[in-house]
């Protein structure tokens, strides 16, 4: 199955943002909240794979990153990757031009993610 063409359409992607203001680093979370964040990251794997399947993007590998260089608020990216994607094997940041999803593609991707997350 081919990868989707070169952001929204290039990689299935979710971002987790802890609901506590002013956090910058994972170390700013309590130990319990760090464990919760890790569990939430892991639970996003099936959602990313479901989004990818729905969008015609086979997810071979999950990338997880908490960069925060541009947006200081703690947030974690979970990105689905494929050996044939436009940035493989390097990081996705700074590669190409964003290609937004259509409203229909967004609905399909979010429906697949919600089902995988059992929301």
Protein backbone atom coordinates (compact mmCIF):
# COMPACT_ATOMS: atom_id res chain seq x y z
CA UNK A 1 0.00 0.00 0.00
CA UNK A 2 1.52 3.38 -0.93
CA UNK A 3 2.05 6.17 1.56
CA UNK A 4 -0.08 9.27 1.38
CA UNK A 5 1.45 12.04 -0.72
CA UNK A 6 3.85 14.46 0.79
CA UNK A 7 1.42 17.17 7.22
CA UNK A 8 -2.11 16.63 7.44
CA UNK A 9 -1.96 14.35 4.42
CA UNK A 10 1.64 13.34 4.82
CA UNK A 11 1.52 11.78 8.28
CA UNK A 12 -1.23 10.72 10.68
CA UNK A 13 -0.48 12.79 13.76
CA UNK A 14 -1.88 13.47 17.23
CA UNK A 15 -0.71 15.97 19.84
CA UNK A 16 -1.21 15.48 23.56
CA UNK A 17 -1.35 18.60 25.73
CA UNK A 18 -1.49 18.13 29.51
CA UNK A 19 -4.36 20.17 30.96
CA UNK A 20 -2.16 22.02 33.43
CA UNK A 21 -1.05 25.55 32.50
CA UNK A 22 2.56 26.64 32.60
CA UNK A 23 4.20 23.24 32.08
CA UNK A 24 7.27 23.23 29.85
CA UNK A 25 8.95 19.89 30.47
CA UNK A 26 7.87 16.33 31.26
CA UNK A 27 9.88 16.68 34.47
CA UNK A 28 7.43 19.43 35.53
CA UNK A 29 4.72 16.76 35.88
CA UNK A 30 4.25 14.77 39.07
CA UNK A 31 5.34 11.13 38.92
CA UNK A 32 1.69 10.08 38.64
CA UNK A 33 1.09 12.52 35.77
CA UNK A 34 4.27 11.34 34.02
CA UNK A 35 2.95 7.78 34.18
CA UNK A 36 -0.44 8.95 32.90
CA UNK A 37 1.22 10.80 30.01
CA UNK A 38 3.17 7.66 29.05
CA UNK A 39 0.00 5.58 29.16
CA UNK A 40 -1.76 8.15 26.96
CA UNK A 41 1.14 8.14 24.48
CA UNK A 42 0.93 4.35 24.26
CA UNK A 43 -2.85 4.47 23.82
CA UNK A 44 -2.40 6.82 20.85
CA UNK A 45 -0.56 4.11 18.87
CA UNK A 46 -3.70 2.25 17.79
CA UNK A 47 -5.41 5.58 17.05
CA UNK A 48 -2.56 6.71 14.80
CA UNK A 49 -2.59 3.36 13.02
CA UNK A 50 -6.39 3.56 12.57
CA UNK A 51 -6.11 7.09 11.20
CA UNK A 52 -3.38 5.99 8.82
CA UNK A 53 -5.39 3.02 7.62
CA UNK A 54 -8.44 5.22 7.03
CA UNK A 55 -6.34 7.76 5.07
CA UNK A 56 -4.42 5.17 3.03
CA UNK A 57 -1.17 5.67 4.93
CA UNK A 58 0.29 2.43 6.32
CA UNK A 59 1.95 3.16 9.67
CA UNK A 60 5.12 1.12 10.05
CA UNK A 61 6.65 3.09 12.94
CA UNK A 62 5.52 5.56 15.58
CA UNK A 63 7.63 8.62 16.37
CA UNK A 64 7.12 10.44 19.67
CA UNK A 65 8.54 13.90 20.30
CA UNK A 66 8.25 16.63 22.92
CA UNK A 67 10.27 19.41 21.33
CA UNK A 68 8.71 22.64 22.56
CA UNK A 69 11.24 24.83 20.77
CA UNK A 70 8.55 26.98 19.11
CA UNK A 71 5.64 26.47 21.51
CA UNK A 72 6.92 26.29 25.07
CA UNK A 73 3.75 24.72 26.58
CA UNK A 74 4.42 21.03 27.19
CA UNK A 75 2.97 18.99 24.36
CA UNK A 76 3.83 15.61 22.86
CA UNK A 77 3.59 14.71 19.18
CA UNK A 78 2.77 11.14 18.15
CA UNK A 79 3.42 10.70 14.43
CA UNK A 80 2.78 7.72 12.21
CA UNK A 81 5.63 6.94 9.85
CA UNK A 82 6.13 4.79 6.78
CA UNK A 83 9.41 3.77 5.15
CA UNK A 84 8.21 5.46 1.94
CA UNK A 85 7.11 8.76 3.50
CA UNK A 86 8.67 12.03 2.28
CA UNK A 87 10.94 12.46 5.31
CA UNK A 88 12.00 8.85 5.94
CA UNK A 89 14.22 8.01 7.75
CA UNK A 90 14.76 11.53 9.14
CA UNK A 91 12.47 13.59 11.35
CA UNK A 92 9.25 15.05 9.95
CA UNK A 93 9.84 18.59 11.20
CA UNK A 94 10.84 21.09 8.52
CA UNK A 95 10.20 18.74 5.58
CA UNK A 96 8.12 20.03 2.67
CA UNK A 97 5.02 22.17 2.72
CA UNK A 98 1.88 21.53 4.75
CA UNK A 99 -0.95 19.87 2.84
CA UNK A 100 -4.12 20.17 4.91
CA UNK A 101 -6.74 17.46 4.98
CA UNK A 102 -10.18 18.10 3.52
CA UNK A 103 -13.10 18.35 5.96
CA UNK A 104 -14.15 14.84 4.92
CA UNK A 105 -10.66 13.43 5.51
CA UNK A 106 -10.53 15.09 8.95
CA UNK A 107 -13.89 13.57 9.86
CA UNK A 108 -12.79 10.11 8.71
CA UNK A 109 -9.46 10.34 10.55
CA UNK A 110 -11.00 11.59 13.78
CA UNK A 111 -13.77 8.98 13.65
CA UNK A 112 -11.15 6.25 13.26
CA UNK A 113 -9.05 7.70 16.09
CA UNK A 114 -12.04 8.04 18.42
CA UNK A 115 -13.07 4.44 17.76
CA UNK A 116 -9.52 3.19 18.45
CA UNK A 117 -9.39 5.28 21.65
CA UNK A 118 -12.85 3.99 22.61
CA UNK A 119 -14.21 7.53 23.03
